[in-house]
Amino acid sequence: MVEFESRSEDVFRAIADPTRRAMLERLTAEDLTVGELAEPLDMSLAAASKHLGVLEGAGLVTREKRGRERVCSFDPSALLTVRDWVERYVGFWNERLDALDIAIRESRDD
């Protein structure tokens, strides 16, 4: 359980930042180099690499050396921890929405 919580915290921390979410979004379409990821975000390679380090630490990105370049790939498996966390609340929200539906129907009948 502690490992799950630690991994979850890393993933949530990683996706909390809009810059890192933008990087992940681009990586869902294709593998990119650090420079390609940094370019539209108007940031230095060092700053982009730092963001990628957080994503890599959370297990969301892998980096592979291809020739002289470091190519980044998206690994969606780490997002399973987010899905699992959200699923714990599905029953709660279903109950609340069902109760709201009933209340709306009853108010229409009055």
PDB file of N, CA and C in Angstrom:
ATOM      1  N   MET A   1       0.823  -1.198   0.000  1.00  0.00           N
ATOM      2  CA  MET A   1       0.000   0.000   0.000  1.00  0.00           C
ATOM      3  C   MET A   1       0.864   1.257   0.000  1.00  0.00           C
ATOM      4  N   VAL A   2       1.978   1.230   0.722  1.00  0.00           N
ATOM      5  CA  VAL A   2       2.859   2.391   0.774  1.00  0.00           C
ATOM      6  C   VAL A   2       3.458   2.657  -0.596  1.00  0.00           C
ATOM      7  N   GLU A   3       3.845   1.600  -1.309  1.00  0.00           N
ATOM      8  CA  GLU A   3       4.402   1.780  -2.654  1.00  0.00           C
ATOM      9  C   GLU A   3       3.352   2.383  -3.581  1.00  0.00           C
ATOM     10  N   PHE A   4       2.099   1.920  -3.491  1.00  0.00           N
ATOM     11  CA  PHE A   4       1.022   2.467  -4.303  1.00  0.00           C
ATOM     12  C   PHE A   4       0.848   3.951  -4.010  1.00  0.00           C
ATOM     13  N   GLU A   5       0.823   4.326  -2.719  1.00  0.00           N
ATOM     14  CA  GLU A   5       0.628   5.719  -2.341  1.00  0.00           C
ATOM     15  C   GLU A   5       1.784   6.577  -2.818  1.00  0.00           C
ATOM     16  N   SER A   6       3.006   6.076  -2.705  1.00  0.00           N
ATOM     17  CA  SER A   6       4.168   6.827  -3.150  1.00  0.00           C
ATOM     18  C   SER A   6       4.121   7.037  -4.655  1.00  0.00           C
ATOM     19  N   ARG A   7       3.802   6.000  -5.405  1.00  0.00           N
ATOM     20  CA  ARG A   7       3.711   6.094  -6.863  1.00  0.00           C
ATOM     21  C   ARG A   7       2.580   7.027  -7.253  1.00  0.00           C
ATOM     22  N   SER A   8       1.451   6.933  -6.558  1.00  0.00           N
ATOM     23  CA  SER A   8       0.324   7.814  -6.836  1.00  0.00           C
ATOM     24  C   SER A   8       0.709   9.269  -6.626  1.00  0.00           C
ATOM     25  N   GLU A   9       1.385   9.555  -5.526  1.00  0.00           N
ATOM     26  CA  GLU A   9       1.803  10.922  -5.242  1.00  0.00           C
ATOM     27  C   GLU A   9       2.720  11.450  -6.335  1.00  0.00           C
ATOM     28  N   ASP A  10       3.639  10.611  -6.805  1.00  0.00           N
ATOM     29  CA  ASP A  10       4.546  11.022  -7.876  1.00  0.00           C
ATOM     30  C   ASP A  10       3.772  11.352  -9.150  1.00  0.00           C
ATOM     31  N   VAL A  11       2.800  10.517  -9.480  1.00  0.00           N
ATOM     32  CA  VAL A  11       2.015  10.732 -10.701  1.00  0.00           C
ATOM     33  C   VAL A  11       1.168  11.985 -10.561  1.00  0.00           C
ATOM     34  N   PHE A  12       0.471  12.139  -9.437  1.00  0.00           N
ATOM     35  CA  PHE A  12      -0.356  13.332  -9.239  1.00  0.00           C
ATOM     36  C   PHE A  12       0.498  14.601  -9.263  1.00  0.00           C
ATOM     37  N   ARG A  13       1.648  14.561  -8.637  1.00  0.00           N
ATOM     38  CA  ARG A  13       2.550  15.718  -8.634  1.00  0.00           C
ATOM     39  C   ARG A  13       2.998  16.032 -10.061  1.00  0.00           C
ATOM     40  N   ALA A  14       3.293  15.007 -10.810  1.00  0.00           N
ATOM     41  CA  ALA A  14       3.764  15.205 -12.181  1.00  0.00           C
ATOM     42  C   ALA A  14       2.691  15.819 -13.068  1.00  0.00           C
ATOM     43  N   ILE A  15       1.474  15.339 -12.968  1.00  0.00           N
ATOM     44  CA  ILE A  15       0.419  15.841 -13.858  1.00  0.00           C
ATOM     45  C   ILE A  15      -0.244  17.112 -13.327  1.00  0.00           C
ATOM     46  N   ALA A  16       0.132  17.546 -12.127  1.00  0.00           N
ATOM     47  CA  ALA A  16      -0.427  18.788 -11.589  1.00  0.00           C
ATOM     48  C   ALA A  16       0.083  20.018 -12.334  1.00  0.00           C
ATOM     49  N   ASP A  17       1.229  19.898 -12.954  1.00  0.00           N
ATOM     50  CA  ASP A  17       1.836  21.040 -13.631  1.00  0.00           C
ATOM     51  C   ASP A  17       1.368  21.126 -15.091  1.00  0.00           C
ATOM     52  N   PRO A  18       0.873  22.293 -15.531  1.00  0.00           N
ATOM     53  CA  PRO A  18       0.370  22.417 -16.905  1.00  0.00           C
ATOM     54  C   PRO A  18       1.446  22.211 -17.975  1.00  0.00           C
ATOM     55  N   THR A  19       2.673  22.569 -17.671  1.00  0.00           N
ATOM     56  CA  THR A  19       3.758  22.358 -18.642  1.00  0.00           C
ATOM     57  C   THR A  19       3.982  20.873 -18.855  1.00  0.00           C
ATOM     58  N   ARG A  20       3.991  20.114 -17.770  1.00  0.00           N
ATOM     59  CA  ARG A  20       4.197  18.667 -17.904  1.00  0.00           C
ATOM     60  C   ARG A  20       3.003  18.006 -18.587  1.00  0.00           C
ATOM     61  N   ARG A  21       1.791  18.484 -18.308  1.00  0.00           N
ATOM     62  CA  ARG A  21       0.624  17.937 -19.016  1.00  0.00           C
ATOM     63  C   ARG A  21       0.719  18.221 -20.506  1.00  0.00           C
ATOM     64  N   ALA A  22       1.194  19.390 -20.872  1.00  0.00           N
ATOM     65  CA  ALA A  22       1.367  19.729 -22.291  1.00  0.00           C
ATOM     66  C   ALA A  22       2.403  18.800 -22.938  1.00  0.00           C
ATOM     67  N   MET A  23       3.460  18.514 -22.218  1.00  0.00           N
ATOM     68  CA  MET A  23       4.475  17.586 -22.737  1.00  0.00           C
ATOM     69  C   MET A  23       3.880  16.195 -22.951  1.00  0.00           C
ATOM     70  N   LEU A  24       3.135  15.726 -21.961  1.00  0.00           N
ATOM     71  CA  LEU A  24       2.511  14.405 -22.086  1.00  0.00           C
ATOM     72  C   LEU A  24       1.549  14.367 -23.265  1.00  0.00           C
ATOM     73  N   GLU A  25       0.778  15.426 -23.429  1.00  0.00           N
ATOM     74  CA  GLU A  25      -0.178  15.489 -24.538  1.00  0.00           C
ATOM     75  C   GLU A  25       0.534  15.337 -25.875  1.00  0.00           C
ATOM     76  N   ARG A  26       1.642  16.017 -26.026  1.00  0.00           N
ATOM     77  CA  ARG A  26       2.397  15.913 -27.287  1.00  0.00           C
ATOM     78  C   ARG A  26       3.014  14.523 -27.460  1.00  0.00           C
ATOM     79  N   LEU A  27       3.423  13.929 -26.347  1.00  0.00           N
ATOM     80  CA  LEU A  27       4.040  12.597 -26.428  1.00  0.00           C
ATOM     81  C   LEU A  27       3.029  11.492 -26.705  1.00  0.00           C
ATOM     82  N   THR A  28       1.736  11.764 -26.514  1.00  0.00           N
ATOM     83  CA  THR A  28       0.739  10.748 -26.857  1.00  0.00           C
ATOM     84  C   THR A  28       0.643  10.567 -28.361  1.00  0.00           C
ATOM     85  N   ALA A  29       1.039  11.591 -29.117  1.00  0.00           N
ATOM     86  CA  ALA A  29       0.968  11.523 -30.580  1.00  0.00           C
ATOM     87  C   ALA A  29       2.220  10.916 -31.187  1.00  0.00           C
ATOM     88  N   GLU A  30       3.380  11.214 -30.595  1.00  0.00           N
ATOM     89  CA  GLU A  30       4.641  10.723 -31.163  1.00  0.00           C
ATOM     90  C   GLU A  30       5.773  10.879 -30.164  1.00  0.00           C
ATOM     91  N   ASP A  31       6.818  10.105 -30.354  1.00  0.00           N
ATOM     92  CA  ASP A  31       8.029  10.257 -29.557  1.00  0.00           C
ATOM     93  C   ASP A  31       8.727  11.536 -30.004  1.00  0.00           C
ATOM     94  N   LEU A  32       9.307  12.255 -29.041  1.00  0.00           N
ATOM     95  CA  LEU A  32       9.963  13.523 -29.345  1.00  0.00           C
ATOM     96  C   LEU A  32      11.273  13.643 -28.580  1.00  0.00           C
ATOM     97  N   THR A  33      12.177  14.437 -29.118  1.00  0.00           N
ATOM     98  CA  THR A  33      13.411  14.720 -28.402  1.00  0.00           C
ATOM     99  C   THR A  33      13.133  15.795 -27.354  1.00  0.00           C
ATOM    100  N   VAL A  34      14.067  15.968 -26.447  1.00  0.00           N
ATOM    101  CA  VAL A  34      13.927  16.993 -25.419  1.00  0.00           C
ATOM    102  C   VAL A  34      13.792  18.368 -26.078  1.00  0.00           C
ATOM    103  N   GLY A  35      14.587  18.621 -27.108  1.00  0.00           N
ATOM    104  CA  GLY A  35      14.526  19.894 -27.815  1.00  0.00           C
ATOM    105  C   GLY A  35      13.185  20.125 -28.478  1.00  0.00           C
ATOM    106  N   GLU A  36      12.624  19.084 -29.067  1.00  0.00           N
ATOM    107  CA  GLU A  36      11.314  19.208 -29.708  1.00  0.00           C
ATOM    108  C   GLU A  36      10.218  19.491 -28.679  1.00  0.00           C
ATOM    109  N   LEU A  37      10.355  18.904 -27.504  1.00  0.00           N
ATOM    110  CA  LEU A  37       9.383  19.160 -26.438  1.00  0.00           C
ATOM    111  C   LEU A  37       9.521  20.576 -25.883  1.00  0.00           C
ATOM    112  N   ALA A  38      10.744  21.067 -25.793  1.00  0.00           N
ATOM    113  CA  ALA A  38      10.991  22.393 -25.218  1.00  0.00           C
ATOM    114  C   ALA A  38      10.583  23.517 -26.163  1.00  0.00           C
ATOM    115  N   GLU A  39      10.724  23.296 -27.457  1.00  0.00           N
ATOM    116  CA  GLU A  39      10.546  24.367 -28.444  1.00  0.00           C
ATOM    117  C   GLU A  39       9.225  25.136 -28.340  1.00  0.00           C
ATOM    118  N   PRO A  40       8.053  24.493 -28.406  1.00  0.00           N
ATOM    119  CA  PRO A  40       6.815  25.287 -28.357  1.00  0.00           C
ATOM    120  C   PRO A  40       6.509  25.850 -26.971  1.00  0.00           C
ATOM    121  N   LEU A  41       7.207  25.375 -25.965  1.00  0.00           N
ATOM    122  CA  LEU A  41       6.954  25.833 -24.605  1.00  0.00           C
ATOM    123  C   LEU A  41       7.832  27.018 -24.235  1.00  0.00           C
ATOM    124  N   ASP A  42       8.678  27.443 -25.164  1.00  0.00           N
ATOM    125  CA  ASP A  42       9.547  28.595 -24.950  1.00  0.00           C
ATOM    126  C   ASP A  42      10.330  28.462 -23.647  1.00  0.00           C
ATOM    127  N   MET A  43      11.060  27.354 -23.546  1.00  0.00           N
ATOM    128  CA  MET A  43      11.882  27.130 -22.359  1.00  0.00           C
ATOM    129  C   MET A  43      13.220  26.539 -22.771  1.00  0.00           C
ATOM    130  N   SER A  44      14.162  26.639 -21.893  1.00  0.00           N
ATOM    131  CA  SER A  44      15.492  26.101 -22.170  1.00  0.00           C
ATOM    132  C   SER A  44      15.464  24.576 -22.143  1.00  0.00           C
ATOM    133  N   LEU A  45      16.501  23.996 -22.713  1.00  0.00           N
ATOM    134  CA  LEU A  45      16.621  22.530 -22.657  1.00  0.00           C
ATOM    135  C   LEU A  45      16.762  22.053 -21.216  1.00  0.00           C
ATOM    136  N   ALA A  46      17.451  22.840 -20.400  1.00  0.00           N
ATOM    137  CA  ALA A  46      17.638  22.459 -18.993  1.00  0.00           C
ATOM    138  C   ALA A  46      16.291  22.433 -18.264  1.00  0.00           C
ATOM    139  N   ALA A  47      15.445  23.437 -18.507  1.00  0.00           N
ATOM    140  CA  ALA A  47      14.130  23.476 -17.865  1.00  0.00           C
ATOM    141  C   ALA A  47      13.255  22.322 -18.347  1.00  0.00           C
ATOM    142  N   ALA A  48      13.294  22.061 -19.657  1.00  0.00           N
ATOM    143  CA  ALA A  48      12.513  20.948 -20.206  1.00  0.00           C
ATOM    144  C   ALA A  48      12.994  19.628 -19.625  1.00  0.00           C
ATOM    145  N   SER A  49      14.298  19.486 -19.502  1.00  0.00           N
ATOM    146  CA  SER A  49      14.865  18.256 -18.957  1.00  0.00           C
ATOM    147  C   SER A  49      14.455  18.057 -17.505  1.00  0.00           C
ATOM    148  N   LYS A  50      14.355  19.149 -16.774  1.00  0.00           N
ATOM    149  CA  LYS A  50      13.928  19.064 -15.380  1.00  0.00           C
ATOM    150  C   LYS A  50      12.472  18.571 -15.297  1.00  0.00           C
ATOM    151  N   HIS A  51      11.604  19.121 -16.140  1.00  0.00           N
ATOM    152  CA  HIS A  51      10.211  18.667 -16.179  1.00  0.00           C
ATOM    153  C   HIS A  51      10.150  17.192 -16.585  1.00  0.00           C
ATOM    154  N   LEU A  52      10.954  16.823 -17.557  1.00  0.00           N
ATOM    155  CA  LEU A  52      10.968  15.423 -17.999  1.00  0.00           C
ATOM    156  C   LEU A  52      11.461  14.501 -16.901  1.00  0.00           C
ATOM    157  N   GLY A  53      12.372  14.982 -16.082  1.00  0.00           N
ATOM    158  CA  GLY A  53      12.850  14.189 -14.952  1.00  0.00           C
ATOM    159  C   GLY A  53      11.726  13.856 -13.982  1.00  0.00           C
ATOM    160  N   VAL A  54      10.840  14.828 -13.749  1.00  0.00           N
ATOM    161  CA  VAL A  54       9.686  14.590 -12.872  1.00  0.00           C
ATOM    162  C   VAL A  54       8.753  13.560 -13.512  1.00  0.00           C
ATOM    163  N   LEU A  55       8.492  13.731 -14.810  1.00  0.00           N
ATOM    164  CA  LEU A  55       7.629  12.787 -15.521  1.00  0.00           C
ATOM    165  C   LEU A  55       8.240  11.389 -15.555  1.00  0.00           C
ATOM    166  N   GLU A  56       9.540  11.342 -15.747  1.00  0.00           N
ATOM    167  CA  GLU A  56      10.244  10.059 -15.781  1.00  0.00           C
ATOM    168  C   GLU A  56      10.217   9.402 -14.399  1.00  0.00           C
ATOM    169  N   GLY A  57      10.420  10.189 -13.355  1.00  0.00           N
ATOM    170  CA  GLY A  57      10.386   9.675 -11.990  1.00  0.00           C
ATOM    171  C   GLY A  57       9.027   9.109 -11.617  1.00  0.00           C
ATOM    172  N   ALA A  58       7.981   9.667 -12.227  1.00  0.00           N
ATOM    173  CA  ALA A  58       6.616   9.182 -11.973  1.00  0.00           C
ATOM    174  C   ALA A  58       6.273   7.989 -12.857  1.00  0.00           C
ATOM    175  N   GLY A  59       7.169   7.643 -13.765  1.00  0.00           N
ATOM    176  CA  GLY A  59       6.922   6.504 -14.647  1.00  0.00           C
ATOM    177  C   GLY A  59       6.066   6.838 -15.857  1.00  0.00           C
ATOM    178  N   LEU A  60       5.857   8.123 -16.124  1.00  0.00           N
ATOM    179  CA  LEU A  60       5.012   8.538 -17.246  1.00  0.00           C
ATOM    180  C   LEU A  60       5.782   8.684 -18.560  1.00  0.00           C
ATOM    181  N   VAL A  61       7.090   8.844 -18.453  1.00  0.00           N
ATOM    182  CA  VAL A  61       7.928   9.052 -19.638  1.00  0.00           C
ATOM    183  C   VAL A  61       9.171   8.196 -19.522  1.00  0.00           C
ATOM    184  N   THR A  62       9.591   7.667 -20.644  1.00  0.00           N
ATOM    185  CA  THR A  62      10.884   6.989 -20.717  1.00  0.00           C
ATOM    186  C   THR A  62      11.756   7.760 -21.711  1.00  0.00           C
ATOM    187  N   ARG A  63      13.048   7.764 -21.443  1.00  0.00           N
ATOM    188  CA  ARG A  63      13.992   8.414 -22.362  1.00  0.00           C
ATOM    189  C   ARG A  63      14.953   7.354 -22.865  1.00  0.00           C
ATOM    190  N   GLU A  64      15.200   7.420 -24.149  1.00  0.00           N
ATOM    191  CA  GLU A  64      16.082   6.440 -24.796  1.00  0.00           C
ATOM    192  C   GLU A  64      17.069   7.190 -25.669  1.00  0.00           C
ATOM    193  N   LYS A  65      18.307   6.774 -25.602  1.00  0.00           N
ATOM    194  CA  LYS A  65      19.321   7.405 -26.446  1.00  0.00           C
ATOM    195  C   LYS A  65      19.266   6.756 -27.831  1.00  0.00           C
ATOM    196  N   ARG A  66      19.048   7.586 -28.832  1.00  0.00           N
ATOM    197  CA  ARG A  66      19.039   7.137 -30.226  1.00  0.00           C
ATOM    198  C   ARG A  66      20.045   7.986 -30.974  1.00  0.00           C
ATOM    199  N   GLY A  67      21.175   7.387 -31.229  1.00  0.00           N
ATOM    200  CA  GLY A  67      22.255   8.153 -31.847  1.00  0.00           C
ATOM    201  C   GLY A  67      22.731   9.219 -30.884  1.00  0.00           C
ATOM    202  N   ARG A  68      22.668  10.465 -31.318  1.00  0.00           N
ATOM    203  CA  ARG A  68      23.120  11.575 -30.484  1.00  0.00           C
ATOM    204  C   ARG A  68      21.977  12.229 -29.710  1.00  0.00           C
ATOM    205  N   GLU A  69      20.779  11.735 -29.893  1.00  0.00           N
ATOM    206  CA  GLU A  69      19.616  12.374 -29.283  1.00  0.00           C
ATOM    207  C   GLU A  69      19.002  11.513 -28.188  1.00  0.00           C
ATOM    208  N   ARG A  70      18.341  12.202 -27.267  1.00  0.00           N
ATOM    209  CA  ARG A  70      17.563  11.523 -26.229  1.00  0.00           C
ATOM    210  C   ARG A  70      16.105  11.661 -26.634  1.00  0.00           C
ATOM    211  N   VAL A  71      15.470  10.538 -26.921  1.00  0.00           N
ATOM    212  CA  VAL A  71      14.089  10.536 -27.395  1.00  0.00           C
ATOM    213  C   VAL A  71      13.175  10.123 -26.244  1.00  0.00           C
ATOM    214  N   CYS A  72      12.106  10.881 -26.079  1.00  0.00           N
ATOM    215  CA  CYS A  72      11.158  10.663 -24.992  1.00  0.00           C
ATOM    216  C   CYS A  72       9.911   9.966 -25.518  1.00  0.00           C
ATOM    217  N   SER A  73       9.398   9.034 -24.741  1.00  0.00           N
ATOM    218  CA  SER A  73       8.184   8.297 -25.080  1.00  0.00           C
ATOM    219  C   SER A  73       7.229   8.343 -23.890  1.00  0.00           C
ATOM    220  N   PHE A  74       5.949   8.356 -24.189  1.00  0.00           N
ATOM    221  CA  PHE A  74       4.908   8.348 -23.166  1.00  0.00           C
ATOM    222  C   PHE A  74       4.643   6.916 -22.735  1.00  0.00           C
ATOM    223  N   ASP A  75       4.531   6.704 -21.424  1.00  0.00           N
ATOM    224  CA  ASP A  75       4.183   5.397 -20.876  1.00  0.00           C
ATOM    225  C   ASP A  75       2.905   5.554 -20.051  1.00  0.00           C
ATOM    226  N   PRO A  76       1.758   5.215 -20.627  1.00  0.00           N
ATOM    227  CA  PRO A  76       0.487   5.463 -19.942  1.00  0.00           C
ATOM    228  C   PRO A  76       0.220   4.557 -18.742  1.00  0.00           C
ATOM    229  N   SER A  77       0.998   3.521 -18.560  1.00  0.00           N
ATOM    230  CA  SER A  77       0.707   2.565 -17.484  1.00  0.00           C
ATOM    231  C   SER A  77       0.713   3.224 -16.104  1.00  0.00           C
ATOM    232  N   ALA A  78       1.529   4.252 -15.914  1.00  0.00           N
ATOM    233  CA  ALA A  78       1.563   4.922 -14.610  1.00  0.00           C
ATOM    234  C   ALA A  78       0.242   5.626 -14.304  1.00  0.00           C
ATOM    235  N   LEU A  79      -0.524   5.960 -15.325  1.00  0.00           N
ATOM    236  CA  LEU A  79      -1.814   6.615 -15.108  1.00  0.00           C
ATOM    237  C   LEU A  79      -2.850   5.662 -14.517  1.00  0.00           C
ATOM    238  N   LEU A  80      -2.539   4.387 -14.496  1.00  0.00           N
ATOM    239  CA  LEU A  80      -3.448   3.424 -13.872  1.00  0.00           C
ATOM    240  C   LEU A  80      -3.639   3.738 -12.387  1.00  0.00           C
ATOM    241  N   THR A  81      -2.615   4.294 -11.748  1.00  0.00           N
ATOM    242  CA  THR A  81      -2.761   4.664 -10.334  1.00  0.00           C
ATOM    243  C   THR A  81      -3.801   5.775 -10.174  1.00  0.00           C
ATOM    244  N   VAL A  82      -3.846   6.689 -11.130  1.00  0.00           N
ATOM    245  CA  VAL A  82      -4.849   7.757 -11.097  1.00  0.00           C
ATOM    246  C   VAL A  82      -6.231   7.162 -11.318  1.00  0.00           C
ATOM    247  N   ARG A  83      -6.328   6.285 -12.307  1.00  0.00           N
ATOM    248  CA  ARG A  83      -7.618   5.635 -12.578  1.00  0.00           C
ATOM    249  C   ARG A  83      -8.109   4.883 -11.353  1.00  0.00           C
ATOM    250  N   ASP A  84      -7.221   4.143 -10.710  1.00  0.00           N
ATOM    251  CA  ASP A  84      -7.602   3.372  -9.520  1.00  0.00           C
ATOM    252  C   ASP A  84      -8.079   4.289  -8.403  1.00  0.00           C
ATOM    253  N   TRP A  85      -7.434   5.421  -8.232  1.00  0.00           N
ATOM    254  CA  TRP A  85      -7.830   6.360  -7.192  1.00  0.00           C
ATOM    255  C   TRP A  85      -9.208   6.939  -7.499  1.00  0.00           C
ATOM    256  N   VAL A  86      -9.423   7.330  -8.735  1.00  0.00           N
ATOM    257  CA  VAL A  86     -10.704   7.912  -9.142  1.00  0.00           C
ATOM    258  C   VAL A  86     -11.823   6.886  -9.002  1.00  0.00           C
ATOM    259  N   GLU A  87     -11.543   5.633  -9.342  1.00  0.00           N
ATOM    260  CA  GLU A  87     -12.572   4.586  -9.272  1.00  0.00           C
ATOM    261  C   GLU A  87     -13.100   4.369  -7.859  1.00  0.00           C
ATOM    262  N   ARG A  88     -12.295   4.715  -6.859  1.00  0.00           N
ATOM    263  CA  ARG A  88     -12.768   4.577  -5.477  1.00  0.00           C
ATOM    264  C   ARG A  88     -13.958   5.491  -5.206  1.00  0.00           C
ATOM    265  N   TYR A  89     -14.106   6.533  -5.995  1.00  0.00           N
ATOM    266  CA  TYR A  89     -15.163   7.512  -5.770  1.00  0.00           C
ATOM    267  C   TYR A  89     -16.331   7.372  -6.738  1.00  0.00           C
ATOM    268  N   VAL A  90     -16.283   6.418  -7.629  1.00  0.00           N
ATOM    269  CA  VAL A  90     -17.355   6.223  -8.602  1.00  0.00           C
ATOM    270  C   VAL A  90     -18.671   5.907  -7.896  1.00  0.00           C
ATOM    271  N   GLY A  91     -18.650   5.003  -6.944  1.00  0.00           N
ATOM    272  CA  GLY A  91     -19.861   4.652  -6.206  1.00  0.00           C
ATOM    273  C   GLY A  91     -20.445   5.849  -5.478  1.00  0.00           C
ATOM    274  N   PHE A  92     -19.597   6.634  -4.860  1.00  0.00           N
ATOM    275  CA  PHE A  92     -20.037   7.839  -4.150  1.00  0.00           C
ATOM    276  C   PHE A  92     -20.781   8.768  -5.095  1.00  0.00           C
ATOM    277  N   TRP A  93     -20.174   9.055  -6.249  1.00  0.00           N
ATOM    278  CA  TRP A  93     -20.802   9.983  -7.187  1.00  0.00           C
ATOM    279  C   TRP A  93     -22.052   9.393  -7.832  1.00  0.00           C
ATOM    280  N   ASN A  94     -22.041   8.105  -8.096  1.00  0.00           N
ATOM    281  CA  ASN A  94     -23.246   7.481  -8.648  1.00  0.00           C
ATOM    282  C   ASN A  94     -24.418   7.602  -7.682  1.00  0.00           C
ATOM    283  N   GLU A  95     -24.170   7.374  -6.396  1.00  0.00           N
ATOM    284  CA  GLU A  95     -25.221   7.510  -5.381  1.00  0.00           C
ATOM    285  C   GLU A  95     -25.740   8.942  -5.324  1.00  0.00           C
ATOM    286  N   ARG A  96     -24.826   9.904  -5.344  1.00  0.00           N
ATOM    287  CA  ARG A  96     -25.230  11.311  -5.275  1.00  0.00           C
ATOM    288  C   ARG A  96     -26.031  11.723  -6.510  1.00  0.00           C
ATOM    289  N   LEU A  97     -25.579  11.292  -7.669  1.00  0.00           N
ATOM    290  CA  LEU A  97     -26.291  11.653  -8.896  1.00  0.00           C
ATOM    291  C   LEU A  97     -27.643  10.961  -8.993  1.00  0.00           C
ATOM    292  N   ASP A  98     -27.715   9.721  -8.516  1.00  0.00           N
ATOM    293  CA  ASP A  98     -29.003   9.026  -8.486  1.00  0.00           C
ATOM    294  C   ASP A  98     -29.974   9.759  -7.550  1.00  0.00           C
ATOM    295  N   ALA A  99     -29.490  10.197  -6.392  1.00  0.00           N
ATOM    296  CA  ALA A  99     -30.332  10.934  -5.452  1.00  0.00           C
ATOM    297  C   ALA A  99     -30.788  12.266  -6.057  1.00  0.00           C
ATOM    298  N   LEU A 100     -29.900  12.924  -6.774  1.00  0.00           N
ATOM    299  CA  LEU A 100     -30.268  14.169  -7.442  1.00  0.00           C
ATOM    300  C   LEU A 100     -31.329  13.923  -8.503  1.00  0.00           C
ATOM    301  N   ASP A 101     -31.157  12.858  -9.267  1.00  0.00           N
ATOM    302  CA  ASP A 101     -32.140  12.498 -10.299  1.00  0.00           C
ATOM    303  C   ASP A 101     -33.517  12.265  -9.672  1.00  0.00           C
ATOM    304  N   ILE A 102     -33.545  11.536  -8.576  1.00  0.00           N
ATOM    305  CA  ILE A 102     -34.812  11.267  -7.885  1.00  0.00           C
ATOM    306  C   ILE A 102     -35.429  12.582  -7.393  1.00  0.00           C
ATOM    307  N   ALA A 103     -34.629  13.435  -6.803  1.00  0.00           N
ATOM    308  CA  ALA A 103     -35.129  14.716  -6.276  1.00  0.00           C
ATOM    309  C   ALA A 103     -35.689  15.578  -7.406  1.00  0.00           C
ATOM    310  N   ILE A 104     -35.040  15.590  -8.541  1.00  0.00           N
ATOM    311  CA  ILE A 104     -35.537  16.373  -9.689  1.00  0.00           C
ATOM    312  C   ILE A 104     -36.849  15.811 -10.197  1.00  0.00           C
ATOM    313  N   ARG A 105     -36.918  14.506 -10.308  1.00  0.00           N
ATOM    314  CA  ARG A 105     -38.177  13.872 -10.778  1.00  0.00           C
ATOM    315  C   ARG A 105     -39.328  14.132  -9.814  1.00  0.00           C
ATOM    316  N   GLU A 106     -39.046  14.057  -8.510  1.00  0.00           N
ATOM    317  CA  GLU A 106     -40.077  14.298  -7.509  1.00  0.00           C
ATOM    318  C   GLU A 106     -40.535  15.754  -7.548  1.00  0.00           C
ATOM    319  N   SER A 107     -39.625  16.674  -7.778  1.00  0.00           N
ATOM    320  CA  SER A 107     -40.006  18.091  -7.831  1.00  0.00           C
ATOM    321  C   SER A 107     -40.839  18.399  -9.060  1.00  0.00           C
ATOM    322  N   ARG A 108     -40.644  17.654 -10.115  1.00  0.00           N
ATOM    323  CA  ARG A 108     -41.443  17.838 -11.333  1.00  0.00           C
ATOM    324  C   ARG A 108     -42.857  17.296 -11.144  1.00  0.00           C
ATOM    325  N   ASP A 109     -42.966  16.259 -10.305  1.00  0.00           N
ATOM    326  CA  ASP A 109     -44.286  15.629 -10.055  1.00  0.00           C
ATOM    327  C   ASP A 109     -45.170  16.515  -9.183  1.00  0.00           C
ATOM    328  N   ASP A 110     -44.566  17.417  -8.427  1.00  0.00           N
ATOM    329  CA  ASP A 110     -45.349  18.262  -7.507  1.00  0.00           C
ATOM    330  C   ASP A 110     -46.139  19.301  -8.208  1.00  0.00           C
TER     331      ASP A 110
END
